[in-house]
């Protein structure tokens, strides 16, 4: 009987035996080349921030956009819906839907502008002010979680860099 070299042993049809094949490349758990894509990291960061926000605000039954609307109305009583949309960089239809939902919850009220009767103004109602007080507490908790990942210089730098994208 002639001994065969193991590297020369082949299965039918010319296939190398499994023990002789290249070992499979192990998955290192990374994301590969997509890890070099800036937008990918922005999406992941947004997802993490959004998940934490949702958990922090769950008891308030408010969305990020609703909190932003309440906050801006509180800072600018009598603001027009169109100005709100511009400042939040949202289309007017989206802002109108948010305002409708908040009005249905008695959080705000619409009024007429004294200067232009075609413009609707917005003001917080007592329930809206109370909801905003609670939302601000949750925002402080959420911001502390987020800012704990950076030092003060990095926070300023990150805000400036992100503003270059959205501003």
N, C-alpha and C. Protein backbone atom coordinates (compact mmCIF):
# COMPACT_ATOMS: atom_id res chain seq x y z
N UNK A 1 0.85 -1.16 0.00
CA UNK A 1 0.00 0.00 0.00
C UNK A 1 0.90 1.23 0.00
N UNK A 2 0.58 2.20 -0.85
CA UNK A 2 1.39 3.40 -1.00
C UNK A 2 0.76 4.49 -0.15
N UNK A 3 1.56 5.15 0.69
CA UNK A 3 1.07 6.26 1.53
C UNK A 3 0.87 7.49 0.66
N UNK A 4 -0.23 8.14 0.89
CA UNK A 4 -0.51 9.37 0.14
C UNK A 4 -0.25 10.59 1.00
N UNK A 5 0.24 11.65 0.39
CA UNK A 5 0.42 12.93 1.07
C UNK A 5 -0.98 13.49 1.35
N UNK A 6 -1.24 13.90 2.60
CA UNK A 6 -2.57 14.38 3.00
C UNK A 6 -3.01 15.58 2.17
N UNK A 7 -2.06 16.42 1.77
CA UNK A 7 -2.44 17.60 1.01
C UNK A 7 -2.91 17.25 -0.39
N UNK A 8 -2.60 16.04 -0.80
CA UNK A 8 -2.98 15.64 -2.15
C UNK A 8 -4.28 14.86 -2.15
N UNK A 9 -4.82 14.51 -0.99
CA UNK A 9 -6.05 13.75 -0.93
C UNK A 9 -7.21 14.65 -1.34
N UNK A 10 -7.96 14.20 -2.29
CA UNK A 10 -9.08 14.99 -2.80
C UNK A 10 -10.36 14.19 -2.73
N UNK A 11 -11.44 14.93 -2.53
CA UNK A 11 -12.75 14.32 -2.62
C UNK A 11 -13.10 14.20 -4.08
N UNK A 12 -14.13 13.47 -4.40
CA UNK A 12 -14.56 13.37 -5.80
C UNK A 12 -14.76 14.75 -6.40
N UNK A 13 -14.59 14.82 -7.70
CA UNK A 13 -14.76 16.04 -8.49
C UNK A 13 -13.72 17.09 -8.13
N UNK A 14 -12.57 16.69 -7.61
CA UNK A 14 -11.46 17.61 -7.40
C UNK A 14 -11.57 18.51 -6.18
N UNK A 15 -12.48 18.29 -5.27
CA UNK A 15 -12.64 19.13 -4.08
C UNK A 15 -11.62 18.72 -3.03
N UNK A 16 -11.00 19.70 -2.40
CA UNK A 16 -10.05 19.42 -1.32
C UNK A 16 -10.86 19.05 -0.09
N UNK A 17 -10.38 18.13 0.68
CA UNK A 17 -11.06 17.74 1.91
C UNK A 17 -11.19 18.94 2.83
N UNK A 18 -12.23 18.98 3.65
CA UNK A 18 -12.54 20.12 4.51
C UNK A 18 -11.37 20.49 5.41
N UNK A 19 -10.65 19.51 5.94
CA UNK A 19 -9.57 19.85 6.85
C UNK A 19 -8.40 20.50 6.14
N UNK A 20 -8.37 20.44 4.82
CA UNK A 20 -7.30 21.03 4.06
C UNK A 20 -7.66 22.42 3.52
N UNK A 21 -8.96 22.81 3.60
CA UNK A 21 -9.40 24.09 3.07
C UNK A 21 -8.94 25.24 3.97
N UNK A 22 -8.96 26.46 3.41
CA UNK A 22 -8.62 27.65 4.19
C UNK A 22 -9.58 27.76 5.36
N UNK A 23 -9.07 28.09 6.54
CA UNK A 23 -9.99 28.26 7.67
C UNK A 23 -10.87 29.50 7.44
N UNK A 24 -12.12 29.43 7.88
CA UNK A 24 -13.01 30.59 7.67
C UNK A 24 -12.48 31.80 8.44
N UNK A 25 -12.67 32.96 7.87
CA UNK A 25 -12.26 34.19 8.53
C UNK A 25 -13.24 34.45 9.67
N UNK A 26 -12.68 34.68 10.86
CA UNK A 26 -13.53 34.93 12.02
C UNK A 26 -14.14 36.32 11.94
N UNK A 27 -15.41 36.43 12.37
CA UNK A 27 -16.08 37.73 12.42
C UNK A 27 -15.58 38.44 13.67
N UNK A 28 -14.94 39.58 13.48
CA UNK A 28 -14.40 40.32 14.62
C UNK A 28 -15.46 41.20 15.28
N UNK A 29 -16.70 41.13 14.82
CA UNK A 29 -17.77 41.92 15.41
C UNK A 29 -17.79 43.35 14.89
N UNK A 30 -16.85 43.69 14.04
CA UNK A 30 -16.80 45.04 13.48
C UNK A 30 -17.79 45.21 12.35
N UNK A 31 -17.77 46.39 11.79
CA UNK A 31 -18.71 46.69 10.71
C UNK A 31 -18.02 46.78 9.37
N UNK A 32 -16.71 46.56 9.35
CA UNK A 32 -15.99 46.58 8.09
C UNK A 32 -15.82 47.99 7.57
N UNK A 33 -15.80 48.10 6.27
CA UNK A 33 -15.51 49.38 5.61
C UNK A 33 -16.56 50.44 5.90
N UNK A 34 -17.77 50.03 6.23
CA UNK A 34 -18.80 51.03 6.53
C UNK A 34 -18.42 51.84 7.77
N UNK A 35 -17.50 51.31 8.59
CA UNK A 35 -17.03 52.04 9.76
C UNK A 35 -16.31 53.33 9.42
N UNK A 36 -15.93 53.51 8.17
CA UNK A 36 -15.29 54.74 7.74
C UNK A 36 -16.29 55.78 7.21
N UNK A 37 -17.55 55.44 7.22
CA UNK A 37 -18.60 56.33 6.68
C UNK A 37 -19.12 57.21 7.82
N UNK A 38 -18.92 58.52 7.70
CA UNK A 38 -19.34 59.47 8.73
C UNK A 38 -20.84 59.39 8.99
N UNK A 39 -21.62 59.35 7.93
CA UNK A 39 -23.07 59.29 8.08
C UNK A 39 -23.53 58.08 8.87
N UNK A 40 -22.82 56.97 8.74
CA UNK A 40 -23.14 55.75 9.49
C UNK A 40 -23.00 56.03 10.99
N UNK A 41 -21.93 56.70 11.39
CA UNK A 41 -21.71 57.00 12.81
C UNK A 41 -22.70 58.03 13.33
N UNK A 42 -23.07 58.99 12.48
CA UNK A 42 -24.09 59.96 12.89
C UNK A 42 -25.41 59.24 13.12
N UNK A 43 -25.75 58.30 12.23
CA UNK A 43 -27.00 57.54 12.40
C UNK A 43 -26.97 56.72 13.68
N UNK A 44 -25.85 56.06 13.97
CA UNK A 44 -25.74 55.27 15.20
C UNK A 44 -25.84 56.15 16.43
N UNK A 45 -25.17 57.30 16.39
CA UNK A 45 -25.22 58.22 17.53
C UNK A 45 -26.65 58.74 17.72
N UNK A 46 -27.30 59.11 16.62
CA UNK A 46 -28.68 59.58 16.71
C UNK A 46 -29.57 58.50 17.32
N UNK A 47 -29.38 57.27 16.89
CA UNK A 47 -30.19 56.16 17.42
C UNK A 47 -29.99 55.99 18.92
N UNK A 48 -28.75 56.07 19.38
CA UNK A 48 -28.47 55.91 20.82
C UNK A 48 -29.09 57.06 21.62
N UNK A 49 -28.94 58.28 21.11
CA UNK A 49 -29.50 59.45 21.80
C UNK A 49 -31.03 59.37 21.80
N UNK A 50 -31.61 58.98 20.68
CA UNK A 50 -33.07 58.89 20.59
C UNK A 50 -33.62 57.81 21.54
N UNK A 51 -32.94 56.65 21.60
CA UNK A 51 -33.40 55.59 22.51
C UNK A 51 -33.37 56.07 23.95
N UNK A 52 -32.29 56.75 24.35
CA UNK A 52 -32.21 57.23 25.73
C UNK A 52 -33.26 58.30 25.98
N UNK A 53 -33.45 59.19 25.03
CA UNK A 53 -34.48 60.22 25.17
C UNK A 53 -35.85 59.57 25.37
N UNK A 54 -36.16 58.58 24.55
CA UNK A 54 -37.46 57.91 24.62
C UNK A 54 -37.65 57.26 25.99
N UNK A 55 -36.61 56.62 26.50
CA UNK A 55 -36.70 55.99 27.83
C UNK A 55 -36.88 57.05 28.91
N UNK A 56 -36.17 58.16 28.80
CA UNK A 56 -36.22 59.22 29.80
C UNK A 56 -37.56 59.93 29.80
N UNK A 57 -38.19 60.05 28.63
CA UNK A 57 -39.43 60.79 28.49
C UNK A 57 -40.67 59.92 28.46
N UNK A 58 -40.51 58.61 28.60
CA UNK A 58 -41.62 57.68 28.47
C UNK A 58 -42.80 58.05 29.38
N UNK A 59 -42.53 58.44 30.60
CA UNK A 59 -43.60 58.76 31.56
C UNK A 59 -44.33 60.06 31.21
N UNK A 60 -43.75 60.88 30.35
CA UNK A 60 -44.37 62.16 30.00
C UNK A 60 -45.28 62.05 28.78
N UNK A 61 -45.12 61.00 28.00
CA UNK A 61 -45.89 60.82 26.78
C UNK A 61 -45.73 62.01 25.84
N UNK A 62 -44.47 62.45 25.66
CA UNK A 62 -44.14 63.54 24.75
C UNK A 62 -42.99 63.11 23.85
N UNK A 63 -43.02 63.57 22.61
CA UNK A 63 -41.93 63.30 21.68
C UNK A 63 -40.91 64.43 21.75
N UNK A 64 -39.74 64.21 21.13
CA UNK A 64 -38.73 65.26 21.07
C UNK A 64 -39.28 66.51 20.40
N UNK A 65 -39.99 66.32 19.32
CA UNK A 65 -40.53 67.46 18.58
C UNK A 65 -41.57 68.22 19.40
N UNK A 66 -42.40 67.49 20.12
CA UNK A 66 -43.41 68.14 20.95
C UNK A 66 -42.75 68.96 22.06
N UNK A 67 -41.71 68.41 22.68
CA UNK A 67 -40.99 69.15 23.72
C UNK A 67 -40.35 70.40 23.12
N UNK A 68 -39.76 70.27 21.95
CA UNK A 68 -39.15 71.43 21.29
C UNK A 68 -40.19 72.51 21.02
N UNK A 69 -41.36 72.13 20.57
CA UNK A 69 -42.43 73.10 20.30
C UNK A 69 -42.85 73.79 21.59
N UNK A 70 -43.09 73.01 22.64
CA UNK A 70 -43.48 73.62 23.92
C UNK A 70 -42.41 74.59 24.41
N UNK A 71 -41.16 74.18 24.31
CA UNK A 71 -40.05 75.00 24.80
C UNK A 71 -39.96 76.32 24.04
N UNK A 72 -40.04 76.24 22.72
CA UNK A 72 -39.95 77.47 21.92
C UNK A 72 -41.13 78.40 22.15
N UNK A 73 -42.31 77.84 22.33
CA UNK A 73 -43.49 78.67 22.60
C UNK A 73 -43.32 79.34 23.97
N UNK A 74 -42.79 78.62 24.93
CA UNK A 74 -42.57 79.20 26.25
C UNK A 74 -41.54 80.34 26.19
N UNK A 75 -40.49 80.12 25.41
CA UNK A 75 -39.46 81.15 25.26
C UNK A 75 -39.93 82.34 24.42
N UNK A 76 -40.91 82.10 23.54
CA UNK A 76 -41.40 83.14 22.62
C UNK A 76 -42.93 83.14 22.59
N UNK A 77 -43.56 83.56 23.68
CA UNK A 77 -45.04 83.57 23.68
C UNK A 77 -45.57 84.41 22.52
N UNK A 78 -46.58 83.89 21.85
CA UNK A 78 -47.15 84.60 20.71
C UNK A 78 -46.44 84.31 19.41
N UNK A 79 -45.49 83.37 19.42
CA UNK A 79 -44.78 83.01 18.18
C UNK A 79 -45.78 82.47 17.17
N UNK A 80 -45.56 82.75 15.92
CA UNK A 80 -46.43 82.23 14.85
C UNK A 80 -45.99 80.82 14.48
N UNK A 81 -46.94 80.03 14.03
CA UNK A 81 -46.63 78.66 13.60
C UNK A 81 -45.56 78.64 12.52
N UNK A 82 -45.62 79.57 11.60
CA UNK A 82 -44.64 79.59 10.51
C UNK A 82 -43.24 79.87 11.04
N UNK A 83 -43.13 80.75 12.05
CA UNK A 83 -41.83 81.04 12.65
C UNK A 83 -41.32 79.83 13.43
N UNK A 84 -42.23 79.13 14.06
CA UNK A 84 -41.87 77.91 14.78
C UNK A 84 -41.30 76.88 13.81
N UNK A 85 -41.96 76.69 12.69
CA UNK A 85 -41.50 75.74 11.67
C UNK A 85 -40.11 76.12 11.17
N UNK A 86 -39.90 77.39 10.90
CA UNK A 86 -38.59 77.86 10.40
C UNK A 86 -37.50 77.61 11.44
N UNK A 87 -37.76 77.95 12.69
CA UNK A 87 -36.74 77.80 13.74
C UNK A 87 -36.41 76.33 14.01
N UNK A 88 -37.39 75.46 13.87
CA UNK A 88 -37.17 74.03 14.11
C UNK A 88 -36.75 73.28 12.84
N UNK A 89 -36.68 74.00 11.72
CA UNK A 89 -36.33 73.43 10.43
C UNK A 89 -37.22 72.24 10.09
N UNK A 90 -38.53 72.47 10.25
CA UNK A 90 -39.54 71.47 9.91
C UNK A 90 -40.54 72.11 8.95
N UNK A 91 -41.19 71.27 8.16
CA UNK A 91 -42.19 71.81 7.26
C UNK A 91 -43.43 72.23 8.06
N UNK A 92 -44.18 73.15 7.49
CA UNK A 92 -45.33 73.71 8.20
C UNK A 92 -46.39 72.66 8.52
N UNK A 93 -46.57 71.69 7.64
CA UNK A 93 -47.59 70.66 7.87
C UNK A 93 -47.24 69.82 9.12
N UNK A 94 -45.97 69.51 9.28
CA UNK A 94 -45.53 68.74 10.46
C UNK A 94 -45.77 69.54 11.72
N UNK A 95 -45.39 70.81 11.69
CA UNK A 95 -45.59 71.67 12.87
C UNK A 95 -47.07 71.80 13.18
N UNK A 96 -47.89 71.95 12.15
CA UNK A 96 -49.33 72.06 12.37
C UNK A 96 -49.87 70.79 13.05
N UNK A 97 -49.41 69.63 12.62
CA UNK A 97 -49.86 68.37 13.23
C UNK A 97 -49.43 68.29 14.70
N UNK A 98 -48.21 68.72 14.99
CA UNK A 98 -47.73 68.71 16.38
C UNK A 98 -48.56 69.69 17.21
N UNK A 99 -48.77 70.88 16.68
CA UNK A 99 -49.57 71.89 17.39
C UNK A 99 -50.99 71.37 17.62
N UNK A 100 -51.57 70.71 16.64
CA UNK A 100 -52.92 70.15 16.80
C UNK A 100 -52.96 69.14 17.94
N UNK A 101 -51.96 68.26 18.00
CA UNK A 101 -51.92 67.25 19.08
C UNK A 101 -51.75 67.92 20.45
N UNK A 102 -50.87 68.91 20.52
CA UNK A 102 -50.65 69.59 21.80
C UNK A 102 -51.87 70.41 22.21
N UNK A 103 -52.57 70.99 21.24
CA UNK A 103 -53.79 71.73 21.54
C UNK A 103 -54.88 70.78 22.04
N UNK A 104 -54.97 69.60 21.44
CA UNK A 104 -55.97 68.61 21.86
C UNK A 104 -55.74 68.16 23.31
N UNK A 105 -54.49 68.25 23.76
CA UNK A 105 -54.17 67.88 25.14
C UNK A 105 -54.27 69.10 26.08
N UNK A 106 -54.71 70.22 25.55
CA UNK A 106 -54.86 71.48 26.28
C UNK A 106 -53.52 72.03 26.76
N UNK A 107 -52.45 71.77 25.99
CA UNK A 107 -51.12 72.26 26.33
C UNK A 107 -50.85 73.64 25.75
N UNK A 108 -51.56 74.01 24.71
CA UNK A 108 -51.35 75.32 24.10
C UNK A 108 -52.63 75.81 23.48
N UNK A 109 -52.60 77.08 23.14
CA UNK A 109 -53.76 77.67 22.46
C UNK A 109 -53.29 78.54 21.31
N UNK A 110 -54.14 78.58 20.30
CA UNK A 110 -53.87 79.43 19.14
C UNK A 110 -54.56 80.77 19.36
N UNK A 111 -53.97 81.79 18.77
CA UNK A 111 -54.57 83.12 18.81
C UNK A 111 -54.31 83.80 17.49
N UNK A 112 -54.82 85.00 17.34
CA UNK A 112 -54.60 85.80 16.13
C UNK A 112 -53.55 86.85 16.43
N UNK A 113 -52.67 87.05 15.47
CA UNK A 113 -51.65 88.08 15.58
C UNK A 113 -52.31 89.45 15.53
N UNK A 114 -51.86 90.36 16.38
CA UNK A 114 -52.42 91.72 16.36
C UNK A 114 -51.96 92.47 15.12
N UNK A 115 -50.81 92.11 14.58
CA UNK A 115 -50.28 92.80 13.41
C UNK A 115 -50.75 92.23 12.09
N UNK A 116 -51.05 90.92 12.07
CA UNK A 116 -51.43 90.27 10.81
C UNK A 116 -52.47 89.20 11.16
N UNK A 117 -53.73 89.48 10.83
CA UNK A 117 -54.82 88.57 11.20
C UNK A 117 -54.73 87.19 10.54
N UNK A 118 -53.89 87.08 9.50
CA UNK A 118 -53.73 85.78 8.84
C UNK A 118 -52.80 84.85 9.63
N UNK A 119 -51.99 85.43 10.49
CA UNK A 119 -51.01 84.63 11.25
C UNK A 119 -51.62 84.15 12.56
N UNK A 120 -51.37 82.87 12.86
CA UNK A 120 -51.81 82.33 14.13
C UNK A 120 -50.65 82.37 15.12
N UNK A 121 -50.95 82.85 16.31
CA UNK A 121 -49.94 82.87 17.36
C UNK A 121 -50.18 81.68 18.29
N UNK A 122 -49.15 81.36 19.06
CA UNK A 122 -49.23 80.22 19.97
C UNK A 122 -48.80 80.64 21.36
N UNK A 123 -49.51 80.13 22.36
CA UNK A 123 -49.17 80.40 23.76
C UNK A 123 -49.44 79.14 24.56
N UNK A 124 -48.64 78.92 25.60
CA UNK A 124 -48.84 77.74 26.45
C UNK A 124 -50.01 77.96 27.40
N UNK A 125 -50.74 76.89 27.64
CA UNK A 125 -51.80 76.86 28.64
C UNK A 125 -51.17 76.32 29.93
N UNK A 126 -51.85 76.42 31.05
CA UNK A 126 -51.28 75.92 32.31
C UNK A 126 -50.82 74.45 32.22
N UNK A 127 -51.59 73.61 31.56
CA UNK A 127 -51.19 72.19 31.43
C UNK A 127 -49.91 72.06 30.61
N UNK A 128 -49.74 72.91 29.60
CA UNK A 128 -48.53 72.90 28.79
C UNK A 128 -47.32 73.36 29.59
N UNK A 129 -47.52 74.39 30.42
CA UNK A 129 -46.43 74.86 31.28
C UNK A 129 -46.01 73.77 32.26
N UNK A 130 -46.99 73.08 32.84
CA UNK A 130 -46.68 71.99 33.78
C UNK A 130 -45.95 70.85 33.07
N UNK A 131 -46.40 70.52 31.87
CA UNK A 131 -45.73 69.44 31.11
C UNK A 131 -44.30 69.85 30.77
N UNK A 132 -44.09 71.12 30.45
CA UNK A 132 -42.76 71.60 30.11
C UNK A 132 -41.84 71.59 31.33
N UNK A 133 -42.37 71.89 32.50
CA UNK A 133 -41.56 71.82 33.73
C UNK A 133 -41.05 70.40 33.91
N UNK A 134 -41.92 69.42 33.75
CA UNK A 134 -41.51 68.01 33.88
C UNK A 134 -40.55 67.61 32.76
N UNK A 135 -40.82 68.10 31.55
CA UNK A 135 -39.94 67.77 30.42
C UNK A 135 -38.55 68.34 30.64
N UNK A 136 -38.45 69.53 31.20
CA UNK A 136 -37.14 70.13 31.46
C UNK A 136 -36.35 69.32 32.48
N UNK A 137 -37.03 68.75 33.46
CA UNK A 137 -36.35 67.87 34.42
C UNK A 137 -35.79 66.65 33.70
N UNK A 138 -36.59 66.07 32.83
CA UNK A 138 -36.15 64.90 32.07
C UNK A 138 -35.01 65.27 31.12
N UNK A 139 -35.07 66.46 30.55
CA UNK A 139 -34.01 66.91 29.65
C UNK A 139 -32.69 67.04 30.41
N UNK A 140 -32.75 67.57 31.62
CA UNK A 140 -31.53 67.67 32.42
C UNK A 140 -30.91 66.29 32.66
N UNK A 141 -31.76 65.31 32.95
CA UNK A 141 -31.28 63.93 33.14
C UNK A 141 -30.68 63.38 31.85
N UNK A 142 -31.38 63.60 30.75
CA UNK A 142 -30.92 63.11 29.45
C UNK A 142 -29.62 63.79 29.04
N UNK A 143 -29.54 65.10 29.22
CA UNK A 143 -28.34 65.85 28.86
C UNK A 143 -27.15 65.41 29.73
N UNK A 144 -27.39 65.14 31.01
CA UNK A 144 -26.30 64.68 31.89
C UNK A 144 -25.76 63.36 31.37
N UNK A 145 -26.66 62.46 30.96
CA UNK A 145 -26.23 61.18 30.40
C UNK A 145 -25.38 61.40 29.15
N UNK A 146 -25.84 62.25 28.27
CA UNK A 146 -25.15 62.49 27.01
C UNK A 146 -23.82 63.21 27.23
N UNK A 147 -23.83 64.25 28.03
CA UNK A 147 -22.62 65.04 28.24
C UNK A 147 -21.56 64.31 29.06
N UNK A 148 -21.97 63.28 29.77
CA UNK A 148 -20.99 62.52 30.57
C UNK A 148 -19.96 61.82 29.70
N UNK A 149 -20.22 61.73 28.43
CA UNK A 149 -19.30 61.08 27.50
C UNK A 149 -18.20 62.01 26.98
N UNK A 150 -18.30 63.31 27.32
CA UNK A 150 -17.38 64.31 26.78
C UNK A 150 -16.93 65.26 27.89
N UNK A 151 -15.80 65.93 27.66
CA UNK A 151 -15.42 67.02 28.56
C UNK A 151 -16.02 68.31 27.99
N UNK A 152 -15.89 69.41 28.74
CA UNK A 152 -16.54 70.67 28.32
C UNK A 152 -16.03 71.16 26.97
N UNK A 153 -14.75 71.03 26.72
CA UNK A 153 -14.18 71.47 25.44
C UNK A 153 -14.75 70.61 24.30
N UNK A 154 -14.84 69.32 24.53
CA UNK A 154 -15.37 68.42 23.49
C UNK A 154 -16.84 68.72 23.21
N UNK A 155 -17.59 69.06 24.24
CA UNK A 155 -19.01 69.39 24.05
C UNK A 155 -19.15 70.61 23.14
N UNK A 156 -18.39 71.66 23.44
CA UNK A 156 -18.43 72.86 22.60
C UNK A 156 -18.03 72.53 21.17
N UNK A 157 -17.00 71.73 21.03
CA UNK A 157 -16.51 71.36 19.71
C UNK A 157 -17.55 70.52 18.96
N UNK A 158 -18.16 69.57 19.66
CA UNK A 158 -19.16 68.72 19.02
C UNK A 158 -20.37 69.54 18.57
N UNK A 159 -20.82 70.45 19.40
CA UNK A 159 -21.94 71.32 19.02
C UNK A 159 -21.58 72.12 17.78
N UNK A 160 -20.38 72.68 17.76
CA UNK A 160 -19.95 73.47 16.60
C UNK A 160 -19.86 72.62 15.35
N UNK A 161 -19.33 71.41 15.48
CA UNK A 161 -19.21 70.53 14.31
C UNK A 161 -20.58 70.10 13.80
N UNK A 162 -21.48 69.76 14.70
CA UNK A 162 -22.82 69.35 14.28
C UNK A 162 -23.57 70.52 13.65
N UNK A 163 -23.36 71.72 14.19
CA UNK A 163 -24.01 72.91 13.62
C UNK A 163 -23.55 73.15 12.18
N UNK A 164 -22.33 72.75 11.86
CA UNK A 164 -21.86 72.89 10.48
C UNK A 164 -22.63 71.97 9.55
N UNK A 165 -23.16 70.90 10.07
CA UNK A 165 -23.95 69.98 9.23
C UNK A 165 -25.39 70.51 9.10
N UNK A 166 -26.00 70.85 10.20
CA UNK A 166 -27.43 71.24 10.15
C UNK A 166 -27.65 72.73 10.00
N UNK A 167 -26.62 73.53 10.21
CA UNK A 167 -26.80 74.98 10.21
C UNK A 167 -26.59 75.58 8.92
